[in-house]
């Protein structure tokens, strides 16, 4: 398996951190519409701050997944394993963020990228290419 690019994690984490929308400045109905448009379930949320947190966590999750997928090797088996691990790690961090238990964006994203690359490396070592 080809290894990830050197320093891939740090580079991709910084590249994936997109500027946040001005969510705090939006009205409650506008936030609900934005959540619906982005596919974020906010049916159980009643406070504006909760909507802002949910939308921010969803945006972070997408950035983290983008960073992780850019770091994976080209091998299909390794990419599939890495993608699955990235989704699982990103979802776990997303749920922590919704509960207000998150660490920094960069720490959480680095953890997602690390989970993805570790799973990809493990898959490649278990399923080497047939030559």
Foldseek 3Di string as FASTA:
>chain_A
DDAFDVVLLVVLLVVLDDDDDVLVPDDPVVLVVVCVVVVQDCVVPDDSVLSVQLVVLVSLLVSLLRSQLNRFDPDPQLSVQLSVQLNVLSVVQSVCSSVVNHDDSSVSSSVSNVRSSVRSVVRCVVDPDDD
